[in-house]
Amino acid sequence: MRRHLSFVDKLIINADLALRTLAPNAATAARQNPAQDLSSDDVEFSEKDREHVAGLMRINHTGEVCAQALYQGQALTAKLPTVKEEMDQAAKEEIDHLVWCEERLTQLGSRTSLLNPLFYTASFSVGALAGLAGDKWSLGFVAATEDQVCEHLEQHLSEIPETDAKTRAILQQMLIDEKAHGTKALQAGGKVFRPKVKTIMSAISKIMTKTTYRI
């Protein structure tokens, strides 16, 4: 028989998940890194290219930190069990992205953003509030967020050097997964947000991308 978790139990579980998300090398991917079997030779990188790619991957890593917090916050307050399960499953898939981005940053001789705890806290709060607003709003927020993420990934794919097969392989798989998450959220009953709301969300996301590129 499945044990019923109290709200306090859920908070403890989420605190553990937060530590796993934010602590370096604490998370474990379920799937193989798409770049694992590719050549590790990055000698064709100029220092400028290396720093730029590292900045982009730092943005993507922070995006995955935010995704973890968002899904965990929504799962905490979602009404329907099926929606909670959807959020939990999406969070597990996003862990792969988190690990892959961190691995690539290490290979590039760089680090994750120092601002991750701040963005995690903000995203968890937004996710919990979205869940309280109702499942259709919560799912709609997921879909709108994934749209923003896909735009970033497509932009980053256009900016990385053609010789950087490793980063390209990671971003391409992330793009496939993120599109699927957005589609599933809408199919599960998510509300389609108006363009004005998406514009506001885009403006907020720019704050994250501009700060985490270097910090």
N, C-alpha and C. Protein backbone atom coordinates (compact mmCIF):
# COMPACT_ATOMS: atom_id res chain seq x y z
N MET A 1 0.85 -1.21 0.00
CA MET A 1 0.00 0.00 0.00
C MET A 1 0.88 1.25 0.00
N ARG A 2 0.52 2.18 -0.88
CA ARG A 2 1.31 3.40 -1.00
C ARG A 2 1.08 4.32 0.18
N ARG A 3 2.16 4.77 0.82
CA ARG A 3 2.06 5.63 2.00
C ARG A 3 1.65 7.04 1.59
N HIS A 4 0.71 7.59 2.35
CA HIS A 4 0.27 8.96 2.10
C HIS A 4 1.29 9.93 2.70
N LEU A 5 1.76 10.86 1.89
CA LEU A 5 2.75 11.83 2.35
C LEU A 5 2.08 13.09 2.84
N SER A 6 2.48 13.53 4.01
CA SER A 6 1.96 14.78 4.53
C SER A 6 2.65 15.95 3.84
N PHE A 7 2.15 17.16 4.07
CA PHE A 7 2.76 18.34 3.46
C PHE A 7 4.19 18.51 3.95
N VAL A 8 4.43 18.20 5.23
CA VAL A 8 5.78 18.30 5.79
C VAL A 8 6.71 17.28 5.12
N ASP A 9 6.19 16.05 4.90
CA ASP A 9 6.97 15.03 4.21
C ASP A 9 7.41 15.54 2.83
N LYS A 10 6.46 16.17 2.14
CA LYS A 10 6.74 16.67 0.80
C LYS A 10 7.79 17.78 0.82
N LEU A 11 7.73 18.62 1.85
CA LEU A 11 8.72 19.70 1.98
C LEU A 11 10.12 19.12 2.20
N ILE A 12 10.20 18.07 3.02
CA ILE A 12 11.50 17.43 3.28
C ILE A 12 12.05 16.81 2.00
N ILE A 13 11.17 16.15 1.26
CA ILE A 13 11.58 15.53 -0.01
C ILE A 13 12.08 16.60 -0.98
N ASN A 14 11.36 17.73 -1.03
CA ASN A 14 11.75 18.79 -1.94
C ASN A 14 13.05 19.46 -1.51
N ALA A 15 13.31 19.52 -0.20
CA ALA A 15 14.58 20.06 0.28
C ALA A 15 15.73 19.17 -0.17
N ASP A 16 15.51 17.86 -0.11
CA ASP A 16 16.52 16.91 -0.57
C ASP A 16 16.75 17.06 -2.08
N LEU A 17 15.68 17.21 -2.83
CA LEU A 17 15.80 17.39 -4.28
C LEU A 17 16.52 18.69 -4.61
N ALA A 18 16.28 19.72 -3.81
CA ALA A 18 16.95 21.00 -4.03
C ALA A 18 18.46 20.86 -3.86
N LEU A 19 18.86 20.14 -2.82
CA LEU A 19 20.29 19.94 -2.58
C LEU A 19 20.92 19.14 -3.71
N ARG A 20 20.20 18.13 -4.19
CA ARG A 20 20.71 17.31 -5.30
C ARG A 20 20.84 18.14 -6.58
N THR A 21 19.93 19.10 -6.74
CA THR A 21 19.95 19.94 -7.93
C THR A 21 21.09 20.96 -7.88
N LEU A 22 21.31 21.54 -6.70
CA LEU A 22 22.25 22.64 -6.58
C LEU A 22 23.69 22.22 -6.26
N ALA A 23 23.86 21.09 -5.58
CA ALA A 23 25.21 20.65 -5.22
C ALA A 23 25.95 20.13 -6.46
N PRO A 24 27.19 20.53 -6.67
CA PRO A 24 27.95 20.08 -7.84
C PRO A 24 28.08 18.56 -7.90
N ASN A 25 27.82 18.00 -9.07
CA ASN A 25 27.98 16.56 -9.33
C ASN A 25 27.12 15.66 -8.44
N ALA A 26 26.04 16.22 -7.87
CA ALA A 26 25.19 15.42 -6.99
C ALA A 26 24.13 14.64 -7.75
N ALA A 27 23.72 15.15 -8.91
CA ALA A 27 22.67 14.50 -9.69
C ALA A 27 23.26 13.42 -10.61
N THR A 28 22.44 12.45 -10.95
CA THR A 28 22.85 11.35 -11.83
C THR A 28 21.86 11.25 -12.98
N ALA A 29 22.37 11.18 -14.19
CA ALA A 29 21.51 11.08 -15.38
C ALA A 29 21.05 9.65 -15.58
N ALA A 30 19.82 9.49 -16.05
CA ALA A 30 19.29 8.16 -16.34
C ALA A 30 19.68 7.72 -17.74
N ARG A 31 19.88 8.70 -18.62
CA ARG A 31 20.25 8.39 -20.00
C ARG A 31 21.71 8.76 -20.26
N GLN A 32 22.27 8.13 -21.25
CA GLN A 32 23.65 8.43 -21.63
C GLN A 32 23.74 9.82 -22.23
N ASN A 33 24.82 10.50 -21.92
CA ASN A 33 25.09 11.82 -22.50
C ASN A 33 25.20 11.68 -24.02
N PRO A 34 24.42 12.46 -24.79
CA PRO A 34 24.46 12.36 -26.26
C PRO A 34 25.85 12.59 -26.85
N ALA A 35 26.71 13.27 -26.09
CA ALA A 35 28.05 13.58 -26.58
C ALA A 35 29.10 12.57 -26.11
N GLN A 36 28.67 11.57 -25.38
CA GLN A 36 29.63 10.66 -24.74
C GLN A 36 30.55 9.95 -25.74
N ASP A 37 30.01 9.53 -26.86
CA ASP A 37 30.79 8.75 -27.82
C ASP A 37 31.49 9.62 -28.88
N LEU A 38 31.36 10.94 -28.74
CA LEU A 38 32.00 11.84 -29.70
C LEU A 38 33.42 12.16 -29.26
N SER A 39 34.22 12.61 -30.19
CA SER A 39 35.62 12.95 -29.89
C SER A 39 35.70 14.01 -28.82
N SER A 40 36.65 13.87 -27.92
CA SER A 40 36.83 14.84 -26.84
C SER A 40 37.82 15.93 -27.22
N ASP A 41 38.23 15.93 -28.48
CA ASP A 41 39.23 16.89 -28.94
C ASP A 41 38.58 18.23 -29.26
N ASP A 42 38.84 19.23 -28.42
CA ASP A 42 38.30 20.56 -28.65
C ASP A 42 39.40 21.55 -29.04
N VAL A 43 40.48 21.06 -29.62
CA VAL A 43 41.63 21.92 -29.89
C VAL A 43 41.34 22.97 -30.95
N GLU A 44 40.27 22.79 -31.73
CA GLU A 44 39.96 23.77 -32.76
C GLU A 44 39.24 24.99 -32.18
N PHE A 45 38.93 24.94 -30.91
CA PHE A 45 38.31 26.08 -30.25
C PHE A 45 39.32 27.21 -30.07
N SER A 46 38.90 28.43 -30.38
CA SER A 46 39.68 29.58 -29.94
C SER A 46 39.27 29.84 -28.49
N GLU A 47 40.04 30.58 -27.76
CA GLU A 47 39.70 30.88 -26.37
C GLU A 47 38.38 31.66 -26.30
N LYS A 48 38.18 32.54 -27.28
CA LYS A 48 36.94 33.32 -27.32
C LYS A 48 35.74 32.41 -27.53
N ASP A 49 35.88 31.43 -28.44
CA ASP A 49 34.78 30.49 -28.69
C ASP A 49 34.51 29.64 -27.46
N ARG A 50 35.58 29.20 -26.80
CA ARG A 50 35.42 28.36 -25.61
C ARG A 50 34.66 29.11 -24.51
N GLU A 51 35.02 30.36 -24.31
CA GLU A 51 34.36 31.16 -23.28
C GLU A 51 32.89 31.40 -23.63
N HIS A 52 32.63 31.62 -24.93
CA HIS A 52 31.24 31.87 -25.36
C HIS A 52 30.39 30.61 -25.18
N VAL A 53 30.90 29.48 -25.61
CA VAL A 53 30.14 28.23 -25.46
C VAL A 53 29.91 27.92 -23.98
N ALA A 54 30.93 28.16 -23.16
CA ALA A 54 30.78 27.94 -21.71
C ALA A 54 29.69 28.84 -21.14
N GLY A 55 29.64 30.09 -21.61
CA GLY A 55 28.60 31.01 -21.15
C GLY A 55 27.21 30.53 -21.53
N LEU A 56 27.08 30.01 -22.76
CA LEU A 56 25.79 29.49 -23.22
C LEU A 56 25.38 28.26 -22.43
N MET A 57 26.34 27.38 -22.17
CA MET A 57 26.02 26.16 -21.41
C MET A 57 25.72 26.48 -19.95
N ARG A 58 26.32 27.56 -19.43
CA ARG A 58 26.00 27.98 -18.07
C ARG A 58 24.54 28.47 -18.02
N ILE A 59 24.12 29.18 -19.05
CA ILE A 59 22.73 29.61 -19.15
C ILE A 59 21.81 28.40 -19.19
N ASN A 60 22.16 27.42 -20.01
CA ASN A 60 21.32 26.22 -20.15
C ASN A 60 21.27 25.42 -18.85
N HIS A 61 22.40 25.35 -18.16
CA HIS A 61 22.42 24.64 -16.87
C HIS A 61 21.49 25.33 -15.87
N THR A 62 21.58 26.65 -15.80
CA THR A 62 20.71 27.39 -14.88
C THR A 62 19.25 27.22 -15.29
N GLY A 63 19.00 27.16 -16.59
CA GLY A 63 17.65 26.89 -17.06
C GLY A 63 17.12 25.58 -16.56
N GLU A 64 17.99 24.57 -16.49
CA GLU A 64 17.58 23.26 -15.98
C GLU A 64 17.39 23.29 -14.47
N VAL A 65 18.19 24.09 -13.78
CA VAL A 65 17.98 24.29 -12.34
C VAL A 65 16.60 24.89 -12.10
N CYS A 66 16.26 25.89 -12.92
CA CYS A 66 14.95 26.53 -12.81
C CYS A 66 13.83 25.55 -13.14
N ALA A 67 14.07 24.70 -14.14
CA ALA A 67 13.06 23.71 -14.52
C ALA A 67 12.80 22.74 -13.38
N GLN A 68 13.87 22.29 -12.72
CA GLN A 68 13.71 21.38 -11.59
C GLN A 68 12.86 22.04 -10.51
N ALA A 69 13.20 23.28 -10.19
CA ALA A 69 12.48 24.00 -9.14
C ALA A 69 11.02 24.22 -9.53
N LEU A 70 10.80 24.57 -10.79
CA LEU A 70 9.45 24.82 -11.28
C LEU A 70 8.58 23.57 -11.16
N TYR A 71 9.10 22.45 -11.66
CA TYR A 71 8.32 21.20 -11.62
C TYR A 71 8.09 20.74 -10.19
N GLN A 72 9.09 20.89 -9.35
CA GLN A 72 8.94 20.44 -7.96
C GLN A 72 7.94 21.31 -7.21
N GLY A 73 7.97 22.61 -7.49
CA GLY A 73 7.00 23.50 -6.86
C GLY A 73 5.58 23.20 -7.31
N GLN A 74 5.43 22.91 -8.61
CA GLN A 74 4.10 22.59 -9.13
C GLN A 74 3.59 21.25 -8.61
N ALA A 75 4.47 20.26 -8.54
CA ALA A 75 4.07 18.95 -8.02
C ALA A 75 3.62 19.04 -6.57
N LEU A 76 4.21 19.98 -5.83
CA LEU A 76 3.87 20.14 -4.42
C LEU A 76 2.44 20.63 -4.23
N THR A 77 1.96 21.46 -5.17
CA THR A 77 0.65 22.08 -4.99
C THR A 77 -0.39 21.67 -6.03
N ALA A 78 0.00 20.80 -6.98
CA ALA A 78 -0.95 20.35 -8.02
C ALA A 78 -2.12 19.62 -7.38
N LYS A 79 -3.29 19.73 -8.00
CA LYS A 79 -4.50 19.14 -7.45
C LYS A 79 -4.68 17.68 -7.87
N LEU A 80 -4.59 17.40 -9.15
CA LEU A 80 -4.85 16.05 -9.66
C LEU A 80 -3.61 15.17 -9.57
N PRO A 81 -3.76 13.91 -9.13
CA PRO A 81 -2.62 12.98 -9.05
C PRO A 81 -1.92 12.79 -10.39
N THR A 82 -2.69 12.80 -11.49
CA THR A 82 -2.09 12.61 -12.81
C THR A 82 -1.16 13.77 -13.16
N VAL A 83 -1.54 14.97 -12.76
CA VAL A 83 -0.71 16.15 -13.03
C VAL A 83 0.57 16.09 -12.20
N LYS A 84 0.44 15.66 -10.94
CA LYS A 84 1.62 15.52 -10.08
C LYS A 84 2.60 14.51 -10.69
N GLU A 85 2.05 13.42 -11.22
CA GLU A 85 2.90 12.40 -11.84
C GLU A 85 3.59 12.94 -13.09
N GLU A 86 2.85 13.75 -13.87
CA GLU A 86 3.43 14.37 -15.06
C GLU A 86 4.59 15.27 -14.67
N MET A 87 4.43 16.05 -13.61
CA MET A 87 5.46 16.97 -13.15
C MET A 87 6.69 16.20 -12.65
N ASP A 88 6.43 15.14 -11.90
CA ASP A 88 7.54 14.32 -11.38
C ASP A 88 8.34 13.69 -12.52
N GLN A 89 7.63 13.18 -13.55
CA GLN A 89 8.29 12.54 -14.68
C GLN A 89 9.10 13.55 -15.47
N ALA A 90 8.53 14.73 -15.70
CA ALA A 90 9.24 15.77 -16.43
C ALA A 90 10.51 16.20 -15.68
N ALA A 91 10.40 16.30 -14.36
CA ALA A 91 11.56 16.69 -13.55
C ALA A 91 12.67 15.66 -13.67
N LYS A 92 12.31 14.37 -13.70
CA LYS A 92 13.31 13.32 -13.83
C LYS A 92 14.04 13.41 -15.18
N GLU A 93 13.28 13.73 -16.23
CA GLU A 93 13.89 13.85 -17.56
C GLU A 93 14.79 15.09 -17.63
N GLU A 94 14.39 16.14 -16.92
CA GLU A 94 15.20 17.35 -16.93
C GLU A 94 16.51 17.16 -16.16
N ILE A 95 16.56 16.19 -15.25
CA ILE A 95 17.79 15.89 -14.53
C ILE A 95 18.90 15.52 -15.51
N ASP A 96 18.53 14.76 -16.56
CA ASP A 96 19.51 14.39 -17.57
C ASP A 96 20.16 15.63 -18.17
N HIS A 97 19.33 16.61 -18.51
CA HIS A 97 19.84 17.85 -19.10
C HIS A 97 20.78 18.56 -18.13
N LEU A 98 20.38 18.58 -16.87
CA LEU A 98 21.19 19.24 -15.84
C LEU A 98 22.58 18.62 -15.78
N VAL A 99 22.63 17.30 -15.76
CA VAL A 99 23.91 16.59 -15.68
C VAL A 99 24.73 16.79 -16.94
N TRP A 100 24.10 16.70 -18.10
CA TRP A 100 24.83 16.86 -19.36
C TRP A 100 25.46 18.25 -19.47
N CYS A 101 24.72 19.28 -19.07
CA CYS A 101 25.24 20.65 -19.14
C CYS A 101 26.42 20.82 -18.19
N GLU A 102 26.30 20.24 -16.99
CA GLU A 102 27.38 20.35 -16.02
C GLU A 102 28.63 19.62 -16.52
N GLU A 103 28.44 18.46 -17.12
CA GLU A 103 29.58 17.72 -17.66
C GLU A 103 30.28 18.50 -18.76
N ARG A 104 29.49 19.14 -19.62
CA ARG A 104 30.10 19.92 -20.71
C ARG A 104 30.83 21.13 -20.17
N LEU A 105 30.29 21.78 -19.16
CA LEU A 105 30.97 22.92 -18.55
C LEU A 105 32.32 22.51 -17.96
N THR A 106 32.35 21.35 -17.34
CA THR A 106 33.62 20.84 -16.78
C THR A 106 34.63 20.60 -17.89
N GLN A 107 34.18 20.01 -18.98
CA GLN A 107 35.08 19.76 -20.11
C GLN A 107 35.62 21.05 -20.71
N LEU A 108 34.84 22.11 -20.62
CA LEU A 108 35.25 23.40 -21.16
C LEU A 108 36.08 24.19 -20.16
N GLY A 109 36.33 23.59 -19.02
CA GLY A 109 37.14 24.25 -17.99
C GLY A 109 36.40 25.39 -17.31
N SER A 110 35.07 25.27 -17.22
CA SER A 110 34.28 26.33 -16.63
C SER A 110 33.45 25.79 -15.47
N ARG A 111 32.50 26.58 -15.00
CA ARG A 111 31.70 26.22 -13.82
C ARG A 111 30.26 26.61 -14.03
N THR A 112 29.41 26.14 -13.13
CA THR A 112 28.00 26.51 -13.15
C THR A 112 27.82 27.91 -12.54
N SER A 113 26.64 28.47 -12.68
CA SER A 113 26.40 29.84 -12.21
C SER A 113 26.35 29.92 -10.68
N LEU A 114 26.92 30.98 -10.16
CA LEU A 114 26.88 31.24 -8.72
C LEU A 114 25.49 31.69 -8.27
N LEU A 115 24.65 32.04 -9.23
CA LEU A 115 23.32 32.56 -8.92
C LEU A 115 22.25 31.47 -8.88
N ASN A 116 22.65 30.22 -9.07
CA ASN A 116 21.66 29.13 -9.14
C ASN A 116 20.74 29.04 -7.92
N PRO A 117 21.26 29.18 -6.69
CA PRO A 117 20.33 29.10 -5.53
C PRO A 117 19.24 30.15 -5.59
N LEU A 118 19.59 31.35 -6.05
CA LEU A 118 18.61 32.43 -6.15
C LEU A 118 17.53 32.09 -7.18
N PHE A 119 17.95 31.62 -8.35
CA PHE A 119 16.99 31.30 -9.40
C PHE A 119 16.16 30.06 -9.04
N TYR A 120 16.76 29.14 -8.30
CA TYR A 120 16.00 27.95 -7.86
C TYR A 120 14.87 28.37 -6.94
N THR A 121 15.18 29.21 -5.97
CA THR A 121 14.17 29.66 -5.00
C THR A 121 13.04 30.40 -5.69
N ALA A 122 13.40 31.29 -6.62
CA ALA A 122 12.38 32.06 -7.33
C ALA A 122 11.50 31.14 -8.18
N SER A 123 12.11 30.19 -8.87
CA SER A 123 11.35 29.29 -9.75
C SER A 123 10.46 28.35 -8.95
N PHE A 124 10.95 27.86 -7.81
CA PHE A 124 10.12 26.99 -6.97
C PHE A 124 8.88 27.74 -6.49
N SER A 125 9.06 28.99 -6.10
CA SER A 125 7.93 29.80 -5.62
C SER A 125 6.91 30.02 -6.73
N VAL A 126 7.40 30.33 -7.93
CA VAL A 126 6.50 30.54 -9.07
C VAL A 126 5.76 29.24 -9.39
N GLY A 127 6.47 28.11 -9.36
CA GLY A 127 5.85 26.83 -9.64
C GLY A 127 4.76 26.48 -8.64
N ALA A 128 5.04 26.72 -7.36
CA ALA A 128 4.06 26.43 -6.32
C ALA A 128 2.82 27.31 -6.48
N LEU A 129 3.02 28.58 -6.81
CA LEU A 129 1.90 29.49 -7.01
C LEU A 129 1.08 29.09 -8.24
N ALA A 130 1.78 28.64 -9.29
CA ALA A 130 1.07 28.19 -10.48
C ALA A 130 0.21 26.97 -10.16
N GLY A 131 0.75 26.07 -9.33
CA GLY A 131 -0.01 24.90 -8.93
C GLY A 131 -1.23 25.27 -8.12
N LEU A 132 -1.09 26.26 -7.25
CA LEU A 132 -2.22 26.71 -6.44
C LEU A 132 -3.30 27.36 -7.29
N ALA A 133 -2.89 27.98 -8.40
CA ALA A 133 -3.84 28.65 -9.28
C ALA A 133 -4.74 27.66 -10.00
N GLY A 134 -4.30 26.41 -10.09
CA GLY A 134 -5.10 25.39 -10.77
C GLY A 134 -4.27 24.63 -11.77
N ASP A 135 -4.64 23.39 -12.01
CA ASP A 135 -3.83 22.53 -12.87
C ASP A 135 -3.74 23.03 -14.31
N LYS A 136 -4.81 23.59 -14.84
CA LYS A 136 -4.76 24.06 -16.23
C LYS A 136 -3.78 25.23 -16.37
N TRP A 137 -3.71 26.08 -15.34
CA TRP A 137 -2.76 27.18 -15.35
C TRP A 137 -1.34 26.68 -15.15
N SER A 138 -1.21 25.70 -14.27
CA SER A 138 0.10 25.11 -13.99
C SER A 138 0.68 24.46 -15.25
N LEU A 139 -0.13 23.67 -15.93
CA LEU A 139 0.30 23.01 -17.16
C LEU A 139 0.54 24.03 -18.28
N GLY A 140 -0.29 25.05 -18.31
CA GLY A 140 -0.11 26.09 -19.31
C GLY A 140 1.20 26.84 -19.10
N PHE A 141 1.55 27.03 -17.85
CA PHE A 141 2.81 27.70 -17.53
C PHE A 141 4.00 26.85 -17.98
N VAL A 142 3.87 25.53 -17.81
CA VAL A 142 4.92 24.62 -18.28
C VAL A 142 5.10 24.77 -19.79
N ALA A 143 3.98 24.74 -20.51
CA ALA A 143 4.03 24.84 -21.97
C ALA A 143 4.67 26.15 -22.42
N ALA A 144 4.27 27.25 -21.78
CA ALA A 144 4.81 28.56 -22.14
C ALA A 144 6.30 28.65 -21.80
N THR A 145 6.68 28.06 -20.66
CA THR A 145 8.09 28.06 -20.27
C THR A 145 8.93 27.25 -21.25
N GLU A 146 8.41 26.09 -21.65
CA GLU A 146 9.14 25.26 -22.60
C GLU A 146 9.30 25.96 -23.95
N ASP A 147 8.33 26.75 -24.34
CA ASP A 147 8.46 27.54 -25.57
C ASP A 147 9.66 28.48 -25.47
N GLN A 148 9.81 29.12 -24.30
CA GLN A 148 10.93 30.02 -24.09
C GLN A 148 12.26 29.27 -24.14
N VAL A 149 12.27 28.10 -23.50
CA VAL A 149 13.50 27.30 -23.47
C VAL A 149 13.89 26.87 -24.88
N CYS A 150 12.92 26.45 -25.66
CA CYS A 150 13.20 26.01 -27.04
C CYS A 150 13.78 27.15 -27.86
N GLU A 151 13.28 28.35 -27.65
CA GLU A 151 13.81 29.51 -28.37
C GLU A 151 15.28 29.73 -28.02
N HIS A 152 15.60 29.61 -26.73
CA HIS A 152 16.98 29.77 -26.30
C HIS A 152 17.88 28.70 -26.92
N LEU A 153 17.41 27.46 -26.90
CA LEU A 153 18.22 26.36 -27.43
C LEU A 153 18.47 26.53 -28.93
N GLU A 154 17.45 26.93 -29.65
CA GLU A 154 17.61 27.13 -31.09
C GLU A 154 18.60 28.26 -31.36
N GLN A 155 18.53 29.32 -30.56
CA GLN A 155 19.47 30.43 -30.71
C GLN A 155 20.89 29.98 -30.41
N HIS A 156 21.05 29.19 -29.35
CA HIS A 156 22.39 28.72 -28.97
C HIS A 156 22.97 27.79 -30.03
N LEU A 157 22.12 26.96 -30.62
CA LEU A 157 22.59 26.07 -31.67
C LEU A 157 23.12 26.85 -32.87
N SER A 158 22.56 28.03 -33.10
CA SER A 158 23.01 28.86 -34.22
C SER A 158 24.31 29.60 -33.90
N GLU A 159 24.65 29.67 -32.61
CA GLU A 159 25.82 30.45 -32.20
C GLU A 159 27.08 29.63 -31.94
N ILE A 160 26.92 28.34 -31.62
CA ILE A 160 28.11 27.55 -31.29
C ILE A 160 28.88 27.21 -32.57
N PRO A 161 30.22 27.06 -32.46
CA PRO A 161 31.02 26.74 -33.64
C PRO A 161 30.61 25.41 -34.27
N GLU A 162 30.71 25.31 -35.57
CA GLU A 162 30.36 24.09 -36.28
C GLU A 162 31.21 22.90 -35.81
N THR A 163 32.43 23.19 -35.35
CA THR A 163 33.33 22.12 -34.92
C THR A 163 32.98 21.55 -33.55
N ASP A 164 32.08 22.22 -32.84
CA ASP A 164 31.73 21.77 -31.48
C ASP A 164 30.60 20.76 -31.53
N ALA A 165 30.93 19.54 -31.92
CA ALA A 165 29.93 18.48 -32.06
C ALA A 165 29.35 18.07 -30.72
N LYS A 166 30.15 18.15 -29.66
CA LYS A 166 29.67 17.72 -28.33
C LYS A 166 28.53 18.59 -27.83
N THR A 167 28.76 19.90 -27.83
CA THR A 167 27.72 20.80 -27.35
C THR A 167 26.49 20.72 -28.23
N ARG A 168 26.69 20.61 -29.53
CA ARG A 168 25.58 20.53 -30.47
C ARG A 168 24.72 19.30 -30.20
N ALA A 169 25.34 18.16 -29.94
CA ALA A 169 24.60 16.92 -29.68
C ALA A 169 23.75 17.05 -28.42
N ILE A 170 24.30 17.67 -27.39
CA ILE A 170 23.57 17.85 -26.14
C ILE A 170 22.37 18.77 -26.34
N LEU A 171 22.59 19.91 -26.99
CA LEU A 171 21.52 20.87 -27.19
C LEU A 171 20.42 20.33 -28.09
N GLN A 172 20.78 19.55 -29.09
CA GLN A 172 19.77 18.99 -29.98
C GLN A 172 18.84 18.02 -29.25
N GLN A 173 19.41 17.19 -28.37
CA GLN A 173 18.58 16.26 -27.61
C GLN A 173 17.72 17.01 -26.59
N MET A 174 18.30 18.04 -25.99
CA MET A 174 17.53 18.85 -25.05
C MET A 174 16.34 19.50 -25.76
N LEU A 175 16.56 19.97 -26.97
CA LEU A 175 15.49 20.62 -27.73
C LEU A 175 14.35 19.64 -28.01
N ILE A 176 14.70 18.43 -28.38
CA ILE A 176 13.68 17.40 -28.63
C ILE A 176 12.85 17.15 -27.37
N ASP A 177 13.53 17.00 -26.23
CA ASP A 177 12.84 16.72 -24.97
C ASP A 177 11.96 17.87 -24.53
N GLU A 178 12.48 19.10 -24.66
CA GLU A 178 11.72 20.27 -24.19
C GLU A 178 10.46 20.46 -25.02
N LYS A 179 10.55 20.25 -26.32
CA LYS A 179 9.36 20.36 -27.17
C LYS A 179 8.31 19.33 -26.76
N ALA A 180 8.77 18.13 -26.43
CA ALA A 180 7.85 17.07 -26.00
C ALA A 180 7.17 17.44 -24.68
N HIS A 181 7.91 18.03 -23.75
CA HIS A 181 7.33 18.43 -22.46
C HIS A 181 6.24 19.48 -22.66
N GLY A 182 6.50 20.45 -23.54
CA GLY A 182 5.52 21.48 -23.80
C GLY A 182 4.26 20.92 -24.44
N THR A 183 4.43 20.01 -25.39
CA THR A 183 3.29 19.39 -26.06
C THR A 183 2.46 18.58 -25.09
N LYS A 184 3.11 17.79 -24.24
CA LYS A 184 2.40 16.97 -23.26
C LYS A 184 1.61 17.83 -22.28
N ALA A 185 2.17 18.97 -21.90
CA ALA A 185 1.49 19.86 -20.96
C ALA A 185 0.19 20.39 -21.55
N LEU A 186 0.22 20.74 -22.82
CA LEU A 186 -0.99 21.23 -23.48
C LEU A 186 -2.00 20.10 -23.67
N GLN A 187 -1.52 18.93 -24.05
CA GLN A 187 -2.40 17.78 -24.25
C GLN A 187 -3.07 17.36 -22.95
N ALA A 188 -2.40 17.62 -21.82
CA ALA A 188 -2.95 17.26 -20.52
C ALA A 188 -3.97 18.27 -20.01
N GLY A 189 -4.22 19.30 -20.81
CA GLY A 189 -5.23 20.29 -20.42
C GLY A 189 -4.69 21.66 -20.08
N GLY A 190 -3.42 21.91 -20.40
CA GLY A 190 -2.82 23.20 -20.11
C GLY A 190 -3.46 24.34 -20.88
N LYS A 191 -3.58 25.48 -20.25
CA LYS A 191 -4.16 26.66 -20.89
C LYS A 191 -3.11 27.34 -21.78
N VAL A 192 -3.52 27.73 -22.98
CA VAL A 192 -2.61 28.44 -23.88
C VAL A 192 -2.54 29.89 -23.45
N PHE A 193 -1.33 30.35 -23.11
CA PHE A 193 -1.18 31.72 -22.62
C PHE A 193 -1.23 32.72 -23.78
N ARG A 194 -1.70 33.91 -23.48
CA ARG A 194 -1.76 34.97 -24.48
C ARG A 194 -0.35 35.48 -24.78
N PRO A 195 -0.16 36.03 -26.00
CA PRO A 195 1.16 36.55 -26.39
C PRO A 195 1.72 37.58 -25.41
N LYS A 196 0.84 38.40 -24.82
CA LYS A 196 1.30 39.42 -23.88
C LYS A 196 1.95 38.78 -22.65
N VAL A 197 1.36 37.68 -22.17
CA VAL A 197 1.92 36.98 -21.01
C VAL A 197 3.28 36.38 -21.37
N LYS A 198 3.37 35.80 -22.57
CA LYS A 198 4.63 35.22 -23.01
C LYS A 198 5.71 36.28 -23.18
N THR A 199 5.30 37.48 -23.57
CA THR A 199 6.26 38.58 -23.71
C THR A 199 6.84 38.95 -22.35
N ILE A 200 6.00 38.97 -21.33
CA ILE A 200 6.46 39.27 -19.97
C ILE A 200 7.42 38.18 -19.49
N MET A 201 7.06 36.92 -19.77
CA MET A 201 7.91 35.80 -19.38
C MET A 201 9.26 35.88 -20.10
N SER A 202 9.24 36.29 -21.36
CA SER A 202 10.47 36.42 -22.13
C SER A 202 11.38 37.49 -21.54
N ALA A 203 10.79 38.59 -21.10
CA ALA A 203 11.56 39.68 -20.52
C ALA A 203 12.22 39.23 -19.22
N ILE A 204 11.49 38.43 -18.44
CA ILE A 204 12.06 37.92 -17.18
C ILE A 204 13.19 36.93 -17.46
N SER A 205 13.01 36.09 -18.49
CA SER A 205 14.04 35.10 -18.81
C SER A 205 15.33 35.76 -19.27
N LYS A 206 15.21 36.94 -19.88
CA LYS A 206 16.41 37.65 -20.33
C LYS A 206 17.28 38.09 -19.16
N ILE A 207 16.65 38.34 -18.03
CA ILE A 207 17.42 38.69 -16.83
C ILE A 207 18.31 37.52 -16.43
N MET A 208 17.72 36.32 -16.49
CA MET A 208 18.48 35.11 -16.15
C MET A 208 19.63 34.88 -17.13
N THR A 209 19.34 35.00 -18.42
CA THR A 209 20.38 34.69 -19.42
C THR A 209 21.53 35.68 -19.37
N LYS A 210 21.22 36.95 -19.17
CA LYS A 210 22.27 37.97 -19.17
C LYS A 210 23.16 37.87 -17.93
N THR A 211 22.58 37.49 -16.81
CA THR A 211 23.37 37.44 -15.58
C THR A 211 24.19 36.15 -15.49
N THR A 212 23.59 35.03 -15.88
CA THR A 212 24.29 33.74 -15.72
C THR A 212 25.31 33.48 -16.82
N TYR A 213 25.29 34.24 -17.90
CA TYR A 213 26.28 34.06 -18.96
C TYR A 213 27.70 34.21 -18.41
N ARG A 214 27.88 35.09 -17.45
CA ARG A 214 29.22 35.32 -16.89
C ARG A 214 29.33 34.96 -15.40
N ILE A 215 28.22 35.09 -14.68
CA ILE A 215 28.32 34.91 -13.22
C ILE A 215 27.95 33.50 -12.80
